């Protein structure tokens, strides 16, 4: 999680960061408790539109997400 925060601050310093408790069905709900560790979900787009006919992804948000993931991996490897 720290690596994501470092990356988000590096890539998008003007963004207001926050945490959201996500519920629902996903593998993370199973493996997080089984592994005894926190799970981070991150990605671009409006999650309220997921799996709807109106789901879309602005390319600038996609590119920013790629940059955040790249910076996160760099931080983890350092």
N, C-alpha and C. Protein backbone atom coordinates (compact mmCIF):
# COMPACT_ATOMS: atom_id res chain seq x y z
N UNK A 1 0.82 -1.18 0.00
CA UNK A 1 0.00 0.00 0.00
C UNK A 1 0.87 1.25 0.00
N UNK A 2 1.96 1.19 0.78
CA UNK A 2 2.86 2.37 0.79
C UNK A 2 3.42 2.66 -0.58
N UNK A 3 3.76 1.59 -1.31
CA UNK A 3 4.30 1.78 -2.66
C UNK A 3 3.28 2.45 -3.57
N UNK A 4 2.02 2.08 -3.45
CA UNK A 4 0.97 2.75 -4.23
C UNK A 4 0.86 4.21 -3.85
N UNK A 5 0.88 4.51 -2.56
CA UNK A 5 0.77 5.90 -2.14
C UNK A 5 1.94 6.74 -2.64
N UNK A 6 3.15 6.19 -2.57
CA UNK A 6 4.33 6.90 -3.09
C UNK A 6 4.15 7.16 -4.58
N UNK A 7 3.72 6.13 -5.30
CA UNK A 7 3.54 6.26 -6.75
C UNK A 7 2.45 7.27 -7.09
N UNK A 8 1.33 7.21 -6.39
CA UNK A 8 0.25 8.16 -6.66
C UNK A 8 0.69 9.60 -6.41
N UNK A 9 1.45 9.81 -5.34
CA UNK A 9 1.95 11.17 -5.06
C UNK A 9 2.95 11.62 -6.10
N UNK A 10 3.71 10.68 -6.64
CA UNK A 10 4.71 11.01 -7.67
C UNK A 10 4.03 11.35 -9.00
N UNK A 11 3.08 10.53 -9.40
CA UNK A 11 2.45 10.67 -10.71
C UNK A 11 1.38 11.75 -10.72
N UNK A 12 0.61 11.85 -9.65
CA UNK A 12 -0.51 12.79 -9.61
C UNK A 12 -0.51 13.55 -8.30
N UNK A 13 0.47 14.44 -8.10
CA UNK A 13 0.60 15.12 -6.81
C UNK A 13 -0.60 16.01 -6.45
N UNK A 14 -1.37 16.45 -7.43
CA UNK A 14 -2.51 17.31 -7.15
C UNK A 14 -3.77 16.53 -6.78
N UNK A 15 -3.76 15.23 -7.01
CA UNK A 15 -4.93 14.40 -6.72
C UNK A 15 -5.14 14.29 -5.21
N UNK A 16 -6.40 14.31 -4.81
CA UNK A 16 -6.75 14.09 -3.41
C UNK A 16 -6.85 12.58 -3.19
N UNK A 17 -5.99 12.06 -2.35
CA UNK A 17 -5.97 10.62 -2.10
C UNK A 17 -6.92 10.25 -0.97
N UNK A 18 -7.48 9.09 -1.07
CA UNK A 18 -8.38 8.61 -0.02
C UNK A 18 -8.54 7.11 -0.12
N UNK A 19 -9.16 6.55 0.88
CA UNK A 19 -9.39 5.12 0.92
C UNK A 19 -10.89 4.86 0.87
N UNK A 20 -11.25 3.80 0.18
CA UNK A 20 -12.64 3.40 0.06
C UNK A 20 -12.72 1.92 0.38
N UNK A 21 -13.63 1.55 1.25
CA UNK A 21 -13.86 0.16 1.54
C UNK A 21 -14.77 -0.40 0.45
N UNK A 22 -14.24 -1.31 -0.33
CA UNK A 22 -15.00 -1.91 -1.41
C UNK A 22 -15.53 -3.26 -0.94
N UNK A 23 -16.80 -3.47 -1.16
CA UNK A 23 -17.39 -4.77 -0.85
C UNK A 23 -17.88 -5.39 -2.15
N UNK A 24 -18.35 -6.57 -2.08
CA UNK A 24 -18.83 -7.24 -3.28
C UNK A 24 -18.10 -8.55 -3.46
N UNK A 25 -18.23 -9.10 -4.62
CA UNK A 25 -17.65 -10.40 -4.89
C UNK A 25 -16.39 -10.24 -5.72
N UNK A 26 -15.31 -10.77 -5.21
CA UNK A 26 -14.06 -10.81 -5.97
C UNK A 26 -13.12 -11.80 -5.30
N UNK A 27 -12.08 -12.17 -6.01
CA UNK A 27 -11.08 -13.07 -5.45
C UNK A 27 -10.41 -12.44 -4.23
N UNK A 28 -10.33 -11.12 -4.22
CA UNK A 28 -9.66 -10.44 -3.11
C UNK A 28 -10.38 -10.72 -1.78
N UNK A 29 -11.69 -10.88 -1.83
CA UNK A 29 -12.44 -11.16 -0.60
C UNK A 29 -12.10 -12.53 -0.04
N UNK A 30 -11.57 -13.42 -0.87
CA UNK A 30 -11.21 -14.76 -0.43
C UNK A 30 -9.74 -14.82 -0.04
N UNK A 31 -8.85 -14.34 -0.93
CA UNK A 31 -7.41 -14.50 -0.67
C UNK A 31 -6.89 -13.57 0.41
N UNK A 32 -7.46 -12.38 0.55
CA UNK A 32 -6.99 -11.47 1.61
C UNK A 32 -7.08 -12.10 2.98
N UNK A 33 -8.25 -12.56 3.40
CA UNK A 33 -8.35 -13.21 4.70
C UNK A 33 -7.56 -14.52 4.78
N UNK A 34 -7.54 -15.28 3.69
CA UNK A 34 -6.81 -16.56 3.70
C UNK A 34 -5.31 -16.33 3.86
N UNK A 35 -4.80 -15.29 3.23
CA UNK A 35 -3.38 -14.98 3.33
C UNK A 35 -3.06 -14.11 4.54
N UNK A 36 -4.08 -13.57 5.18
CA UNK A 36 -3.87 -12.71 6.35
C UNK A 36 -3.16 -11.42 6.02
N UNK A 37 -3.51 -10.84 4.87
CA UNK A 37 -2.85 -9.59 4.48
C UNK A 37 -3.86 -8.66 3.82
N UNK A 38 -3.58 -7.36 3.86
CA UNK A 38 -4.48 -6.41 3.18
C UNK A 38 -4.32 -6.53 1.66
N UNK A 39 -5.35 -6.18 0.96
CA UNK A 39 -5.38 -6.23 -0.50
C UNK A 39 -5.68 -4.83 -1.01
N UNK A 40 -4.99 -4.44 -2.07
CA UNK A 40 -5.22 -3.13 -2.68
C UNK A 40 -5.84 -3.33 -4.05
N UNK A 41 -6.91 -2.63 -4.31
CA UNK A 41 -7.51 -2.59 -5.64
C UNK A 41 -7.25 -1.20 -6.20
N UNK A 42 -6.76 -1.14 -7.41
CA UNK A 42 -6.48 0.16 -8.02
C UNK A 42 -6.77 0.07 -9.50
N UNK A 43 -7.33 1.12 -10.03
CA UNK A 43 -7.53 1.17 -11.47
C UNK A 43 -8.29 2.41 -11.87
N UNK A 44 -8.22 2.72 -13.14
CA UNK A 44 -8.88 3.92 -13.65
C UNK A 44 -10.37 3.68 -13.90
N UNK A 45 -11.08 4.76 -14.13
CA UNK A 45 -12.48 4.67 -14.49
C UNK A 45 -13.41 4.85 -13.31
N UNK A 46 -14.67 4.92 -13.63
CA UNK A 46 -15.72 5.10 -12.64
C UNK A 46 -16.28 3.73 -12.28
N UNK A 47 -15.99 3.24 -11.09
CA UNK A 47 -16.39 1.88 -10.71
C UNK A 47 -17.90 1.72 -10.64
N UNK A 48 -18.64 2.81 -10.52
CA UNK A 48 -20.10 2.68 -10.51
C UNK A 48 -20.64 2.28 -11.88
N UNK A 49 -19.82 2.42 -12.90
CA UNK A 49 -20.22 2.04 -14.25
C UNK A 49 -19.72 0.66 -14.66
N UNK A 50 -18.97 -0.01 -13.78
CA UNK A 50 -18.43 -1.33 -14.11
C UNK A 50 -19.52 -2.29 -14.53
N UNK A 51 -19.25 -3.00 -15.61
CA UNK A 51 -20.14 -4.05 -16.12
C UNK A 51 -21.53 -3.54 -16.47
N UNK A 52 -21.58 -2.30 -16.92
CA UNK A 52 -22.84 -1.74 -17.41
C UNK A 52 -22.65 -1.34 -18.87
N UNK A 53 -23.72 -1.07 -19.58
CA UNK A 53 -23.59 -0.62 -20.97
C UNK A 53 -22.89 0.74 -21.08
N UNK A 54 -22.81 1.48 -19.97
CA UNK A 54 -22.20 2.82 -20.00
C UNK A 54 -20.75 2.82 -19.55
N UNK A 55 -20.20 1.64 -19.30
CA UNK A 55 -18.81 1.56 -18.86
C UNK A 55 -17.90 2.10 -19.97
N UNK A 56 -16.97 2.94 -19.59
CA UNK A 56 -15.99 3.49 -20.53
C UNK A 56 -14.74 3.87 -19.74
N UNK A 57 -13.68 4.14 -20.46
CA UNK A 57 -12.42 4.47 -19.81
C UNK A 57 -11.72 5.58 -20.58
N UNK A 58 -11.62 6.76 -20.00
CA UNK A 58 -10.88 7.84 -20.66
C UNK A 58 -9.40 7.45 -20.80
N UNK A 59 -8.83 7.68 -21.97
CA UNK A 59 -7.46 7.27 -22.22
C UNK A 59 -6.45 7.94 -21.29
N UNK A 60 -6.71 9.20 -20.89
CA UNK A 60 -5.77 9.86 -20.00
C UNK A 60 -5.77 9.19 -18.62
N UNK A 61 -6.92 8.69 -18.17
CA UNK A 61 -6.96 7.96 -16.90
C UNK A 61 -6.24 6.61 -17.03
N UNK A 62 -6.38 5.97 -18.18
CA UNK A 62 -5.68 4.70 -18.43
C UNK A 62 -4.17 4.92 -18.37
N UNK A 63 -3.69 5.94 -19.06
CA UNK A 63 -2.26 6.22 -19.09
C UNK A 63 -1.73 6.57 -17.69
N UNK A 64 -2.48 7.33 -16.95
CA UNK A 64 -2.06 7.67 -15.58
C UNK A 64 -1.98 6.40 -14.73
N UNK A 65 -2.93 5.49 -14.90
CA UNK A 65 -2.91 4.23 -14.15
C UNK A 65 -1.68 3.41 -14.50
N UNK A 66 -1.31 3.39 -15.77
CA UNK A 66 -0.10 2.68 -16.21
C UNK A 66 1.12 3.29 -15.52
N UNK A 67 1.19 4.61 -15.48
CA UNK A 67 2.32 5.29 -14.84
C UNK A 67 2.36 5.00 -13.33
N UNK A 68 1.21 4.97 -12.69
CA UNK A 68 1.15 4.67 -11.25
C UNK A 68 1.63 3.25 -10.99
N UNK A 69 1.17 2.30 -11.79
CA UNK A 69 1.59 0.91 -11.60
C UNK A 69 3.09 0.75 -11.84
N UNK A 70 3.61 1.44 -12.86
CA UNK A 70 5.05 1.40 -13.12
C UNK A 70 5.84 1.96 -11.93
N UNK A 71 5.41 3.09 -11.41
CA UNK A 71 6.09 3.70 -10.27
C UNK A 71 5.96 2.82 -9.02
N UNK A 72 4.82 2.17 -8.85
CA UNK A 72 4.63 1.27 -7.71
C UNK A 72 5.62 0.11 -7.78
N UNK A 73 5.75 -0.48 -8.94
CA UNK A 73 6.69 -1.59 -9.09
C UNK A 73 8.14 -1.14 -8.89
N UNK A 74 8.48 0.05 -9.37
CA UNK A 74 9.82 0.57 -9.14
C UNK A 74 10.09 0.73 -7.65
N UNK A 75 9.11 1.25 -6.91
CA UNK A 75 9.26 1.45 -5.47
C UNK A 75 9.40 0.10 -4.76
N UNK A 76 8.60 -0.87 -5.17
CA UNK A 76 8.68 -2.20 -4.54
C UNK A 76 10.03 -2.86 -4.78
N UNK A 77 10.60 -2.62 -5.94
CA UNK A 77 11.88 -3.25 -6.30
C UNK A 77 13.09 -2.53 -5.71
N UNK A 78 12.89 -1.31 -5.24
CA UNK A 78 14.01 -0.52 -4.72
C UNK A 78 14.45 -0.99 -3.35
